[in-house]
Amino acid sequence: MRDALSETFAALADPTRRAMLARLAEGQANVTELAEPFLNRMSLPAVTKHLKVLERAGLVTKTPDAQRRSCHLNAEALKEAADWMSTYREFWEASFDRLDDYLKSVTSQVNQPNQGNSKNDV
């Protein structure tokens, strides 16, 4: 059994599913509306499988709406992934800050004229 974070990242690994989430970030949509941009390269059952992966990861919820099923983005599930990644973002930002400081110190040393190497010293 996989944990929720693994399910989230597995769901986000596919560009079709990320596109579906991007569409749902604009507002709810029914399955047909979500499938429309993808039907030129995949079948409706394939799109439905992608939606099931998103549902299993908790990223999308479907609610019955008369004859249609409305899909909604569950942003809370994305928050857990964002929180996990923020730790590593902080690590890389600190690393880049240290690199920046080092490069500034090396650049200032290179740009300073040599001390004690004037023509009169020869």
PDB file of N, CA and C in Angstrom:
ATOM      1  N   MET A   1       0.838  -1.182   0.000  1.00  0.00           N
ATOM      2  CA  MET A   1       0.000   0.000   0.000  1.00  0.00           C
ATOM      3  C   MET A   1       0.885   1.248   0.000  1.00  0.00           C
ATOM      4  N   ARG A   2       0.577   2.182  -0.863  1.00  0.00           N
ATOM      5  CA  ARG A   2       1.359   3.401  -0.979  1.00  0.00           C
ATOM      6  C   ARG A   2       0.780   4.479  -0.084  1.00  0.00           C
ATOM      7  N   ASP A   3       1.651   5.354   0.379  1.00  0.00           N
ATOM      8  CA  ASP A   3       1.187   6.460   1.217  1.00  0.00           C
ATOM      9  C   ASP A   3       0.598   7.564   0.330  1.00  0.00           C
ATOM     10  N   ALA A   4      -0.082   8.504   0.947  1.00  0.00           N
ATOM     11  CA  ALA A   4      -0.786   9.563   0.217  1.00  0.00           C
ATOM     12  C   ALA A   4       0.173  10.424  -0.603  1.00  0.00           C
ATOM     13  N   LEU A   5       1.336  10.713  -0.046  1.00  0.00           N
ATOM     14  CA  LEU A   5       2.300  11.548  -0.758  1.00  0.00           C
ATOM     15  C   LEU A   5       2.798  10.847  -2.019  1.00  0.00           C
ATOM     16  N   SER A   6       3.044   9.548  -1.940  1.00  0.00           N
ATOM     17  CA  SER A   6       3.462   8.786  -3.117  1.00  0.00           C
ATOM     18  C   SER A   6       2.370   8.772  -4.171  1.00  0.00           C
ATOM     19  N   GLU A   7       1.129   8.631  -3.740  1.00  0.00           N
ATOM     20  CA  GLU A   7      -0.011   8.666  -4.674  1.00  0.00           C
ATOM     21  C   GLU A   7      -0.093  10.024  -5.365  1.00  0.00           C
ATOM     22  N   THR A   8       0.123  11.084  -4.606  1.00  0.00           N
ATOM     23  CA  THR A   8       0.075  12.432  -5.180  1.00  0.00           C
ATOM     24  C   THR A   8       1.143  12.610  -6.241  1.00  0.00           C
ATOM     25  N   PHE A   9       2.383  12.251  -5.904  1.00  0.00           N
ATOM     26  CA  PHE A   9       3.462  12.424  -6.877  1.00  0.00           C
ATOM     27  C   PHE A   9       3.294  11.516  -8.092  1.00  0.00           C
ATOM     28  N   ALA A  10       2.780  10.313  -7.899  1.00  0.00           N
ATOM     29  CA  ALA A  10       2.515   9.418  -9.031  1.00  0.00           C
ATOM     30  C   ALA A  10       1.457  10.034  -9.944  1.00  0.00           C
ATOM     31  N   ALA A  11       0.433  10.636  -9.349  1.00  0.00           N
ATOM     32  CA  ALA A  11      -0.614  11.270 -10.148  1.00  0.00           C
ATOM     33  C   ALA A  11      -0.072  12.488 -10.899  1.00  0.00           C
ATOM     34  N   LEU A  12       0.795  13.242 -10.261  1.00  0.00           N
ATOM     35  CA  LEU A  12       1.354  14.443 -10.881  1.00  0.00           C
ATOM     36  C   LEU A  12       2.406  14.129 -11.943  1.00  0.00           C
ATOM     37  N   ALA A  13       2.858  12.898 -12.004  1.00  0.00           N
ATOM     38  CA  ALA A  13       3.918  12.526 -12.942  1.00  0.00           C
ATOM     39  C   ALA A  13       3.468  12.571 -14.400  1.00  0.00           C
ATOM     40  N   ASP A  14       2.183  12.518 -14.637  1.00  0.00           N
ATOM     41  CA  ASP A  14       1.677  12.460 -16.006  1.00  0.00           C
ATOM     42  C   ASP A  14       1.214  13.840 -16.480  1.00  0.00           C
ATOM     43  N   PRO A  15       1.660  14.278 -17.670  1.00  0.00           N
ATOM     44  CA  PRO A  15       1.274  15.611 -18.151  1.00  0.00           C
ATOM     45  C   PRO A  15      -0.228  15.764 -18.422  1.00  0.00           C
ATOM     46  N   THR A  16      -0.889  14.688 -18.811  1.00  0.00           N
ATOM     47  CA  THR A  16      -2.340  14.760 -19.022  1.00  0.00           C
ATOM     48  C   THR A  16      -3.047  15.066 -17.714  1.00  0.00           C
ATOM     49  N   ARG A  17      -2.636  14.401 -16.651  1.00  0.00           N
ATOM     50  CA  ARG A  17      -3.269  14.638 -15.349  1.00  0.00           C
ATOM     51  C   ARG A  17      -2.950  16.036 -14.831  1.00  0.00           C
ATOM     52  N   ARG A  18      -1.730  16.512 -15.066  1.00  0.00           N
ATOM     53  CA  ARG A  18      -1.405  17.881 -14.652  1.00  0.00           C
ATOM     54  C   ARG A  18      -2.248  18.891 -15.421  1.00  0.00           C
ATOM     55  N   ALA A  19      -2.493  18.624 -16.706  1.00  0.00           N
ATOM     56  CA  ALA A  19      -3.340  19.515 -17.509  1.00  0.00           C
ATOM     57  C   ALA A  19      -4.771  19.509 -16.983  1.00  0.00           C
ATOM     58  N   MET A  20      -5.246  18.351 -16.567  1.00  0.00           N
ATOM     59  CA  MET A  20      -6.589  18.266 -15.997  1.00  0.00           C
ATOM     60  C   MET A  20      -6.674  19.078 -14.707  1.00  0.00           C
ATOM     61  N   LEU A  21      -5.651  18.980 -13.881  1.00  0.00           N
ATOM     62  CA  LEU A  21      -5.637  19.756 -12.637  1.00  0.00           C
ATOM     63  C   LEU A  21      -5.593  21.254 -12.926  1.00  0.00           C
ATOM     64  N   ALA A  22      -4.818  21.627 -13.947  1.00  0.00           N
ATOM     65  CA  ALA A  22      -4.742  23.046 -14.317  1.00  0.00           C
ATOM     66  C   ALA A  22      -6.118  23.542 -14.754  1.00  0.00           C
ATOM     67  N   ARG A  23      -6.829  22.724 -15.490  1.00  0.00           N
ATOM     68  CA  ARG A  23      -8.184  23.104 -15.920  1.00  0.00           C
ATOM     69  C   ARG A  23      -9.103  23.235 -14.712  1.00  0.00           C
ATOM     70  N   LEU A  24      -9.006  22.297 -13.773  1.00  0.00           N
ATOM     71  CA  LEU A  24      -9.867  22.345 -12.591  1.00  0.00           C
ATOM     72  C   LEU A  24      -9.500  23.497 -11.659  1.00  0.00           C
ATOM     73  N   ALA A  25      -8.277  23.983 -11.742  1.00  0.00           N
ATOM     74  CA  ALA A  25      -7.882  25.147 -10.938  1.00  0.00           C
ATOM     75  C   ALA A  25      -8.677  26.382 -11.371  1.00  0.00           C
ATOM     76  N   GLU A  26      -9.182  26.370 -12.608  1.00  0.00           N
ATOM     77  CA  GLU A  26     -10.001  27.474 -13.107  1.00  0.00           C
ATOM     78  C   GLU A  26     -11.446  27.367 -12.633  1.00  0.00           C
ATOM     79  N   GLY A  27     -11.853  26.184 -12.180  1.00  0.00           N
ATOM     80  CA  GLY A  27     -13.216  25.963 -11.713  1.00  0.00           C
ATOM     81  C   GLY A  27     -13.673  24.558 -12.050  1.00  0.00           C
ATOM     82  N   GLN A  28     -14.789  24.157 -11.481  1.00  0.00           N
ATOM     83  CA  GLN A  28     -15.279  22.799 -11.684  1.00  0.00           C
ATOM     84  C   GLN A  28     -15.583  22.547 -13.154  1.00  0.00           C
ATOM     85  N   ALA A  29     -15.555  21.277 -13.530  1.00  0.00           N
ATOM     86  CA  ALA A  29     -15.884  20.858 -14.895  1.00  0.00           C
ATOM     87  C   ALA A  29     -16.445  19.451 -14.825  1.00  0.00           C
ATOM     88  N   ASN A  30     -17.292  19.113 -15.780  1.00  0.00           N
ATOM     89  CA  ASN A  30     -17.760  17.735 -15.815  1.00  0.00           C
ATOM     90  C   ASN A  30     -16.758  16.893 -16.601  1.00  0.00           C
ATOM     91  N   VAL A  31     -16.935  15.595 -16.568  1.00  0.00           N
ATOM     92  CA  VAL A  31     -15.982  14.672 -17.183  1.00  0.00           C
ATOM     93  C   VAL A  31     -15.841  14.955 -18.674  1.00  0.00           C
ATOM     94  N   THR A  32     -16.943  15.213 -19.347  1.00  0.00           N
ATOM     95  CA  THR A  32     -16.894  15.491 -20.790  1.00  0.00           C
ATOM     96  C   THR A  32     -16.072  16.741 -21.082  1.00  0.00           C
ATOM     97  N   GLU A  33     -16.255  17.780 -20.286  1.00  0.00           N
ATOM     98  CA  GLU A  33     -15.484  19.011 -20.477  1.00  0.00           C
ATOM     99  C   GLU A  33     -14.003  18.782 -20.231  1.00  0.00           C
ATOM    100  N   LEU A  34     -13.680  17.988 -19.222  1.00  0.00           N
ATOM    101  CA  LEU A  34     -12.272  17.684 -18.948  1.00  0.00           C
ATOM    102  C   LEU A  34     -11.649  16.846 -20.050  1.00  0.00           C
ATOM    103  N   ALA A  35     -12.437  15.942 -20.624  1.00  0.00           N
ATOM    104  CA  ALA A  35     -11.925  15.025 -21.644  1.00  0.00           C
ATOM    105  C   ALA A  35     -11.718  15.703 -22.989  1.00  0.00           C
ATOM    106  N   GLU A  36     -12.489  16.733 -23.270  1.00  0.00           N
ATOM    107  CA  GLU A  36     -12.509  17.355 -24.591  1.00  0.00           C
ATOM    108  C   GLU A  36     -11.130  17.647 -25.196  1.00  0.00           C
ATOM    109  N   PRO A  37     -10.198  18.285 -24.485  1.00  0.00           N
ATOM    110  CA  PRO A  37      -8.902  18.599 -25.107  1.00  0.00           C
ATOM    111  C   PRO A  37      -8.049  17.368 -25.437  1.00  0.00           C
ATOM    112  N   PHE A  38      -8.388  16.227 -24.862  1.00  0.00           N
ATOM    113  CA  PHE A  38      -7.548  15.037 -25.019  1.00  0.00           C
ATOM    114  C   PHE A  38      -8.117  14.005 -25.991  1.00  0.00           C
ATOM    115  N   LEU A  39      -9.348  14.204 -26.418  1.00  0.00           N
ATOM    116  CA  LEU A  39     -10.022  13.181 -27.216  1.00  0.00           C
ATOM    117  C   LEU A  39      -9.420  13.000 -28.606  1.00  0.00           C
ATOM    118  N   ASN A  40      -8.610  13.944 -29.070  1.00  0.00           N
ATOM    119  CA  ASN A  40      -7.950  13.770 -30.364  1.00  0.00           C
ATOM    120  C   ASN A  40      -6.789  12.775 -30.287  1.00  0.00           C
ATOM    121  N   ARG A  41      -6.322  12.481 -29.070  1.00  0.00           N
ATOM    122  CA  ARG A  41      -5.193  11.548 -28.959  1.00  0.00           C
ATOM    123  C   ARG A  41      -5.438  10.376 -28.005  1.00  0.00           C
ATOM    124  N   MET A  42      -6.602  10.377 -27.326  1.00  0.00           N
ATOM    125  CA  MET A  42      -6.923   9.240 -26.458  1.00  0.00           C
ATOM    126  C   MET A  42      -8.426   9.062 -26.361  1.00  0.00           C
ATOM    127  N   SER A  43      -8.823   7.892 -25.966  1.00  0.00           N
ATOM    128  CA  SER A  43     -10.252   7.573 -25.861  1.00  0.00           C
ATOM    129  C   SER A  43     -10.825   8.121 -24.554  1.00  0.00           C
ATOM    130  N   LEU A  44     -12.149   8.198 -24.501  1.00  0.00           N
ATOM    131  CA  LEU A  44     -12.814   8.627 -23.275  1.00  0.00           C
ATOM    132  C   LEU A  44     -12.512   7.686 -22.109  1.00  0.00           C
ATOM    133  N   PRO A  45     -12.471   6.349 -22.322  1.00  0.00           N
ATOM    134  CA  PRO A  45     -12.088   5.476 -21.212  1.00  0.00           C
ATOM    135  C   PRO A  45     -10.664   5.753 -20.692  1.00  0.00           C
ATOM    136  N   ALA A  46      -9.758   6.132 -21.573  1.00  0.00           N
ATOM    137  CA  ALA A  46      -8.394   6.458 -21.129  1.00  0.00           C
ATOM    138  C   ALA A  46      -8.406   7.723 -20.273  1.00  0.00           C
ATOM    139  N   VAL A  47      -9.189   8.706 -20.680  1.00  0.00           N
ATOM    140  CA  VAL A  47      -9.315   9.939 -19.894  1.00  0.00           C
ATOM    141  C   VAL A  47      -9.915   9.620 -18.528  1.00  0.00           C
ATOM    142  N   THR A  48     -10.925   8.739 -18.522  1.00  0.00           N
ATOM    143  CA  THR A  48     -11.567   8.338 -17.274  1.00  0.00           C
ATOM    144  C   THR A  48     -10.565   7.658 -16.338  1.00  0.00           C
ATOM    145  N   LYS A  49      -9.666   6.860 -16.896  1.00  0.00           N
ATOM    146  CA  LYS A  49      -8.630   6.228 -16.064  1.00  0.00           C
ATOM    147  C   LYS A  49      -7.728   7.281 -15.430  1.00  0.00           C
ATOM    148  N   HIS A  50      -7.376   8.306 -16.192  1.00  0.00           N
ATOM    149  CA  HIS A  50      -6.567   9.399 -15.624  1.00  0.00           C
ATOM    150  C   HIS A  50      -7.313  10.068 -14.472  1.00  0.00           C
ATOM    151  N   LEU A  51      -8.592  10.290 -14.656  1.00  0.00           N
ATOM    152  CA  LEU A  51      -9.385  10.899 -13.580  1.00  0.00           C
ATOM    153  C   LEU A  51      -9.431  10.019 -12.342  1.00  0.00           C
ATOM    154  N   LYS A  52      -9.501   8.710 -12.550  1.00  0.00           N
ATOM    155  CA  LYS A  52      -9.517   7.795 -11.401  1.00  0.00           C
ATOM    156  C   LYS A  52      -8.207   7.863 -10.625  1.00  0.00           C
ATOM    157  N   VAL A  53      -7.098   8.006 -11.340  1.00  0.00           N
ATOM    158  CA  VAL A  53      -5.798   8.153 -10.663  1.00  0.00           C
ATOM    159  C   VAL A  53      -5.806   9.431  -9.825  1.00  0.00           C
ATOM    160  N   LEU A  54      -6.333  10.512 -10.384  1.00  0.00           N
ATOM    161  CA  LEU A  54      -6.407  11.775  -9.645  1.00  0.00           C
ATOM    162  C   LEU A  54      -7.331  11.667  -8.438  1.00  0.00           C
ATOM    163  N   GLU A  55      -8.427  10.948  -8.600  1.00  0.00           N
ATOM    164  CA  GLU A  55      -9.347  10.732  -7.478  1.00  0.00           C
ATOM    165  C   GLU A  55      -8.694   9.894  -6.381  1.00  0.00           C
ATOM    166  N   ARG A  56      -8.025   8.812  -6.781  1.00  0.00           N
ATOM    167  CA  ARG A  56      -7.375   7.920  -5.808  1.00  0.00           C
ATOM    168  C   ARG A  56      -6.315   8.678  -5.008  1.00  0.00           C
ATOM    169  N   ALA A  57      -5.653   9.636  -5.655  1.00  0.00           N
ATOM    170  CA  ALA A  57      -4.643  10.446  -4.962  1.00  0.00           C
ATOM    171  C   ALA A  57      -5.281  11.550  -4.122  1.00  0.00           C
ATOM    172  N   GLY A  58      -6.595  11.711  -4.231  1.00  0.00           N
ATOM    173  CA  GLY A  58      -7.287  12.734  -3.460  1.00  0.00           C
ATOM    174  C   GLY A  58      -7.193  14.122  -4.062  1.00  0.00           C
ATOM    175  N   LEU A  59      -6.709  14.226  -5.294  1.00  0.00           N
ATOM    176  CA  LEU A  59      -6.539  15.523  -5.933  1.00  0.00           C
ATOM    177  C   LEU A  59      -7.821  16.035  -6.573  1.00  0.00           C
ATOM    178  N   VAL A  60      -8.720  15.115  -6.899  1.00  0.00           N
ATOM    179  CA  VAL A  60      -9.977  15.463  -7.555  1.00  0.00           C
ATOM    180  C   VAL A  60     -11.112  14.750  -6.838  1.00  0.00           C
ATOM    181  N   THR A  61     -12.209  15.448  -6.686  1.00  0.00           N
ATOM    182  CA  THR A  61     -13.435  14.813  -6.185  1.00  0.00           C
ATOM    183  C   THR A  61     -14.508  14.976  -7.246  1.00  0.00           C
ATOM    184  N   LYS A  62     -15.339  13.939  -7.358  1.00  0.00           N
ATOM    185  CA  LYS A  62     -16.460  13.984  -8.298  1.00  0.00           C
ATOM    186  C   LYS A  62     -17.748  13.989  -7.493  1.00  0.00           C
ATOM    187  N   THR A  63     -18.671  14.842  -7.902  1.00  0.00           N
ATOM    188  CA  THR A  63     -19.976  14.879  -7.254  1.00  0.00           C
ATOM    189  C   THR A  63     -21.058  14.745  -8.322  1.00  0.00           C
ATOM    190  N   PRO A  64     -22.101  13.970  -8.010  1.00  0.00           N
ATOM    191  CA  PRO A  64     -23.191  13.843  -8.980  1.00  0.00           C
ATOM    192  C   PRO A  64     -23.909  15.174  -9.145  1.00  0.00           C
ATOM    193  N   ASP A  65     -24.185  15.515 -10.384  1.00  0.00           N
ATOM    194  CA  ASP A  65     -24.869  16.760 -10.694  1.00  0.00           C
ATOM    195  C   ASP A  65     -25.853  16.454 -11.817  1.00  0.00           C
ATOM    196  N   ALA A  66     -27.051  16.044 -11.437  1.00  0.00           N
ATOM    197  CA  ALA A  66     -28.078  15.589 -12.392  1.00  0.00           C
ATOM    198  C   ALA A  66     -27.529  14.404 -13.189  1.00  0.00           C
ATOM    199  N   GLN A  67     -27.427  14.523 -14.503  1.00  0.00           N
ATOM    200  CA  GLN A  67     -26.936  13.431 -15.351  1.00  0.00           C
ATOM    201  C   GLN A  67     -25.413  13.427 -15.461  1.00  0.00           C
ATOM    202  N   ARG A  68     -24.781  14.472 -14.992  1.00  0.00           N
ATOM    203  CA  ARG A  68     -23.321  14.605 -15.133  1.00  0.00           C
ATOM    204  C   ARG A  68     -22.634  14.450 -13.788  1.00  0.00           C
ATOM    205  N   ARG A  69     -21.325  14.263 -13.873  1.00  0.00           N
ATOM    206  CA  ARG A  69     -20.514  14.210 -12.658  1.00  0.00           C
ATOM    207  C   ARG A  69     -19.546  15.384 -12.698  1.00  0.00           C
ATOM    208  N   SER A  70     -19.712  16.301 -11.774  1.00  0.00           N
ATOM    209  CA  SER A  70     -18.824  17.461 -11.703  1.00  0.00           C
ATOM    210  C   SER A  70     -17.539  17.080 -10.988  1.00  0.00           C
ATOM    211  N   CYS A  71     -16.442  17.552 -11.517  1.00  0.00           N
ATOM    212  CA  CYS A  71     -15.127  17.309 -10.921  1.00  0.00           C
ATOM    213  C   CYS A  71     -14.633  18.605 -10.304  1.00  0.00           C
ATOM    214  N   HIS A  72     -14.023  18.473  -9.138  1.00  0.00           N
ATOM    215  CA  HIS A  72     -13.510  19.619  -8.401  1.00  0.00           C
ATOM    216  C   HIS A  72     -12.069  19.331  -7.997  1.00  0.00           C
ATOM    217  N   LEU A  73     -11.258  20.360  -8.012  1.00  0.00           N
ATOM    218  CA  LEU A  73      -9.883  20.253  -7.538  1.00  0.00           C
ATOM    219  C   LEU A  73      -9.877  20.246  -6.016  1.00  0.00           C
ATOM    220  N   ASN A  74      -9.131  19.320  -5.431  1.00  0.00           N
ATOM    221  CA  ASN A  74      -8.947  19.285  -3.986  1.00  0.00           C
ATOM    222  C   ASN A  74      -7.534  19.799  -3.701  1.00  0.00           C
ATOM    223  N   ALA A  75      -7.421  21.100  -3.516  1.00  0.00           N
ATOM    224  CA  ALA A  75      -6.111  21.734  -3.354  1.00  0.00           C
ATOM    225  C   ALA A  75      -5.407  21.293  -2.070  1.00  0.00           C
ATOM    226  N   GLU A  76      -6.143  20.846  -1.081  1.00  0.00           N
ATOM    227  CA  GLU A  76      -5.530  20.414   0.183  1.00  0.00           C
ATOM    228  C   GLU A  76      -4.549  19.262  -0.048  1.00  0.00           C
ATOM    229  N   ALA A  77      -4.876  18.371  -0.978  1.00  0.00           N
ATOM    230  CA  ALA A  77      -3.979  17.258  -1.280  1.00  0.00           C
ATOM    231  C   ALA A  77      -2.670  17.761  -1.888  1.00  0.00           C
ATOM    232  N   LEU A  78      -2.727  18.847  -2.619  1.00  0.00           N
ATOM    233  CA  LEU A  78      -1.506  19.428  -3.192  1.00  0.00           C
ATOM    234  C   LEU A  78      -0.657  20.099  -2.120  1.00  0.00           C
ATOM    235  N   LYS A  79      -1.303  20.581  -1.063  1.00  0.00           N
ATOM    236  CA  LYS A  79      -0.570  21.265   0.005  1.00  0.00           C
ATOM    237  C   LYS A  79       0.435  20.338   0.669  1.00  0.00           C
ATOM    238  N   GLU A  80       0.069  19.089   0.883  1.00  0.00           N
ATOM    239  CA  GLU A  80       0.998  18.142   1.498  1.00  0.00           C
ATOM    240  C   GLU A  80       2.253  17.978   0.643  1.00  0.00           C
ATOM    241  N   ALA A  81       2.069  17.878  -0.672  1.00  0.00           N
ATOM    242  CA  ALA A  81       3.216  17.757  -1.572  1.00  0.00           C
ATOM    243  C   ALA A  81       4.044  19.042  -1.564  1.00  0.00           C
ATOM    244  N   ALA A  82       3.375  20.180  -1.565  1.00  0.00           N
ATOM    245  CA  ALA A  82       4.084  21.463  -1.530  1.00  0.00           C
ATOM    246  C   ALA A  82       4.871  21.624  -0.238  1.00  0.00           C
ATOM    247  N   ASP A  83       4.285  21.208   0.883  1.00  0.00           N
ATOM    248  CA  ASP A  83       4.988  21.278   2.168  1.00  0.00           C
ATOM    249  C   ASP A  83       6.232  20.398   2.153  1.00  0.00           C
ATOM    250  N   TRP A  84       6.106  19.207   1.595  1.00  0.00           N
ATOM    251  CA  TRP A  84       7.246  18.287   1.526  1.00  0.00           C
ATOM    252  C   TRP A  84       8.356  18.891   0.666  1.00  0.00           C
ATOM    253  N   MET A  85       7.988  19.491  -0.463  1.00  0.00           N
ATOM    254  CA  MET A  85       8.987  20.086  -1.355  1.00  0.00           C
ATOM    255  C   MET A  85       9.605  21.347  -0.783  1.00  0.00           C
ATOM    256  N   SER A  86       8.882  22.060   0.069  1.00  0.00           N
ATOM    257  CA  SER A  86       9.409  23.320   0.605  1.00  0.00           C
ATOM    258  C   SER A  86      10.684  23.103   1.417  1.00  0.00           C
ATOM    259  N   THR A  87      10.792  21.953   2.058  1.00  0.00           N
ATOM    260  CA  THR A  87      12.015  21.636   2.802  1.00  0.00           C
ATOM    261  C   THR A  87      13.213  21.633   1.869  1.00  0.00           C
ATOM    262  N   TYR A  88      13.029  21.038   0.722  1.00  0.00           N
ATOM    263  CA  TYR A  88      14.124  20.961  -0.241  1.00  0.00           C
ATOM    264  C   TYR A  88      14.348  22.285  -0.939  1.00  0.00           C
ATOM    265  N   ARG A  89      13.323  23.072  -1.114  1.00  0.00           N
ATOM    266  CA  ARG A  89      13.480  24.410  -1.686  1.00  0.00           C
ATOM    267  C   ARG A  89      14.355  25.251  -0.756  1.00  0.00           C
ATOM    268  N   GLU A  90      14.082  25.169   0.534  1.00  0.00           N
ATOM    269  CA  GLU A  90      14.875  25.917   1.507  1.00  0.00           C
ATOM    270  C   GLU A  90      16.337  25.465   1.469  1.00  0.00           C
ATOM    271  N   PHE A  91      16.573  24.166   1.341  1.00  0.00           N
ATOM    272  CA  PHE A  91      17.943  23.641   1.248  1.00  0.00           C
ATOM    273  C   PHE A  91      18.658  24.231   0.041  1.00  0.00           C
ATOM    274  N   TRP A  92      17.996  24.188  -1.138  1.00  0.00           N
ATOM    275  CA  TRP A  92      18.631  24.683  -2.361  1.00  0.00           C
ATOM    276  C   TRP A  92      18.817  26.185  -2.328  1.00  0.00           C
ATOM    277  N   GLU A  93      17.874  26.920  -1.759  1.00  0.00           N
ATOM    278  CA  GLU A  93      18.035  28.363  -1.659  1.00  0.00           C
ATOM    279  C   GLU A  93      19.241  28.712  -0.795  1.00  0.00           C
ATOM    280  N   ALA A  94      19.410  28.006   0.319  1.00  0.00           N
ATOM    281  CA  ALA A  94      20.569  28.245   1.188  1.00  0.00           C
ATOM    282  C   ALA A  94      21.861  27.893   0.462  1.00  0.00           C
ATOM    283  N   SER A  95      21.828  26.800  -0.300  1.00  0.00           N
ATOM    284  CA  SER A  95      23.014  26.405  -1.066  1.00  0.00           C
ATOM    285  C   SER A  95      23.365  27.448  -2.119  1.00  0.00           C
ATOM    286  N   PHE A  96      22.368  27.961  -2.804  1.00  0.00           N
ATOM    287  CA  PHE A  96      22.610  28.986  -3.821  1.00  0.00           C
ATOM    288  C   PHE A  96      23.083  30.280  -3.187  1.00  0.00           C
ATOM    289  N   ASP A  97      22.579  30.608  -2.007  1.00  0.00           N
ATOM    290  CA  ASP A  97      23.048  31.808  -1.308  1.00  0.00           C
ATOM    291  C   ASP A  97      24.531  31.677  -0.957  1.00  0.00           C
ATOM    292  N   ARG A  98      24.932  30.494  -0.479  1.00  0.00           N
ATOM    293  CA  ARG A  98      26.350  30.268  -0.158  1.00  0.00           C
ATOM    294  C   ARG A  98      27.209  30.348  -1.420  1.00  0.00           C
ATOM    295  N   LEU A  99      26.722  29.793  -2.515  1.00  0.00           N
ATOM    296  CA  LEU A  99      27.453  29.853  -3.784  1.00  0.00           C
ATOM    297  C   LEU A  99      27.574  31.301  -4.246  1.00  0.00           C
ATOM    298  N   ASP A 100      26.519  32.059  -4.122  1.00  0.00           N
ATOM    299  CA  ASP A 100      26.539  33.469  -4.504  1.00  0.00           C
ATOM    300  C   ASP A 100      27.576  34.233  -3.687  1.00  0.00           C
ATOM    301  N   ASP A 101      27.602  34.005  -2.381  1.00  0.00           N
ATOM    302  CA  ASP A 101      28.593  34.668  -1.524  1.00  0.00           C
ATOM    303  C   ASP A 101      30.014  34.293  -1.947  1.00  0.00           C
ATOM    304  N   TYR A 102      30.224  33.021  -2.233  1.00  0.00           N
ATOM    305  CA  TYR A 102      31.548  32.560  -2.653  1.00  0.00           C
ATOM    306  C   TYR A 102      31.947  33.226  -3.972  1.00  0.00           C
ATOM    307  N   LEU A 103      31.040  33.233  -4.926  1.00  0.00           N
ATOM    308  CA  LEU A 103      31.363  33.829  -6.231  1.00  0.00           C
ATOM    309  C   LEU A 103      31.646  35.317  -6.111  1.00  0.00           C
ATOM    310  N   LYS A 104      30.922  36.011  -5.244  1.00  0.00           N
ATOM    311  CA  LYS A 104      31.191  37.434  -5.028  1.00  0.00           C
ATOM    312  C   LYS A 104      32.579  37.641  -4.432  1.00  0.00           C
ATOM    313  N   SER A 105      32.970  36.775  -3.493  1.00  0.00           N
ATOM    314  CA  SER A 105      34.297  36.935  -2.882  1.00  0.00           C
ATOM    315  C   SER A 105      35.402  36.632  -3.885  1.00  0.00           C
ATOM    316  N   VAL A 106      35.220  35.633  -4.722  1.00  0.00           N
ATOM    317  CA  VAL A 106      36.220  35.293  -5.737  1.00  0.00           C
ATOM    318  C   VAL A 106      36.300  36.397  -6.777  1.00  0.00           C
ATOM    319  N   THR A 107      35.176  36.931  -7.186  1.00  0.00           N
ATOM    320  CA  THR A 107      35.144  37.997  -8.185  1.00  0.00           C
ATOM    321  C   THR A 107      35.815  39.249  -7.656  1.00  0.00           C
ATOM    322  N   SER A 108      35.587  39.583  -6.395  1.00  0.00           N
ATOM    323  CA  SER A 108      36.208  40.786  -5.835  1.00  0.00           C
ATOM    324  C   SER A 108      37.721  40.605  -5.736  1.00  0.00           C
ATOM    325  N   GLN A 109      38.206  39.409  -5.454  1.00  0.00           N
ATOM    326  CA  GLN A 109      39.645  39.146  -5.397  1.00  0.00           C
ATOM    327  C   GLN A 109      40.275  39.271  -6.778  1.00  0.00           C
ATOM    328  N   VAL A 110      39.595  38.798  -7.796  1.00  0.00           N
ATOM    329  CA  VAL A 110      40.119  38.860  -9.164  1.00  0.00           C
ATOM    330  C   VAL A 110      40.137  40.296  -9.654  1.00  0.00           C
ATOM    331  N   ASN A 111      39.154  41.093  -9.274  1.00  0.00           N
ATOM    332  CA  ASN A 111      39.040  42.473  -9.745  1.00  0.00           C
ATOM    333  C   ASN A 111      39.948  43.442  -9.001  1.00  0.00           C
ATOM    334  N   GLN A 112      40.521  43.039  -7.865  1.00  0.00           N
ATOM    335  CA  GLN A 112      41.433  43.916  -7.129  1.00  0.00           C
ATOM    336  C   GLN A 112      42.798  43.883  -7.798  1.00  0.00           C
ATOM    337  N   PRO A 113      43.431  45.059  -7.957  1.00  0.00           N
ATOM    338  CA  PRO A 113      44.785  45.073  -8.547  1.00  0.00           C
ATOM    339  C   PRO A 113      45.766  44.395  -7.600  1.00  0.00           C
ATOM    340  N   ASN A 114      46.777  43.792  -8.193  1.00  0.00           N
ATOM    341  CA  ASN A 114      47.805  43.125  -7.383  1.00  0.00           C
ATOM    342  C   ASN A 114      48.505  44.129  -6.515  1.00  0.00           C
ATOM    343  N   GLN A 115      48.623  43.871  -5.265  1.00  0.00           N
ATOM    344  CA  GLN A 115      49.286  44.732  -4.308  1.00  0.00           C
ATOM    345  C   GLN A 115      50.765  44.352  -4.284  1.00  0.00           C
ATOM    346  N   GLY A 116      51.648  45.330  -4.353  1.00  0.00           N
ATOM    347  CA  GLY A 116      53.077  45.064  -4.265  1.00  0.00           C
ATOM    348  C   GLY A 116      53.698  44.631  -5.578  1.00  0.00           C
ATOM    349  N   ASN A 117      53.031  44.741  -6.666  1.00  0.00           N
ATOM    350  CA  ASN A 117      53.571  44.341  -7.960  1.00  0.00           C
ATOM    351  C   ASN A 117      53.625  45.539  -8.886  1.00  0.00           C
ATOM    352  N   SER A 118      54.077  46.675  -8.402  1.00  0.00           N
ATOM    353  CA  SER A 118      54.157  47.868  -9.249  1.00  0.00           C
ATOM    354  C   SER A 118      55.484  47.873 -10.004  1.00  0.00           C
ATOM    355  N   LYS A 119      55.608  48.777 -10.984  1.00  0.00           N
ATOM    356  CA  LYS A 119      56.816  48.857 -11.810  1.00  0.00           C
ATOM    357  C   LYS A 119      58.024  49.245 -10.976  1.00  0.00           C
ATOM    358  N   ASN A 120      57.809  49.994  -9.927  1.00  0.00           N
ATOM    359  CA  ASN A 120      58.919  50.457  -9.092  1.00  0.00           C
ATOM    360  C   ASN A 120      59.498  49.323  -8.256  1.00  0.00           C
ATOM    361  N   ASP A 121      58.740  48.227  -8.082  1.00  0.00           N
ATOM    362  CA  ASP A 121      59.227  47.110  -7.269  1.00  0.00           C
ATOM    363  C   ASP A 121      60.179  46.222  -8.029  1.00  0.00           C
ATOM    364  N   VAL A 122      60.305  46.388  -9.340  1.00  0.00           N
ATOM    365  CA  VAL A 122      61.127  45.492 -10.151  1.00  0.00           C
ATOM    366  C   VAL A 122      62.551  45.843 -10.088  1.00  0.00           C
TER     367      VAL A 122
END
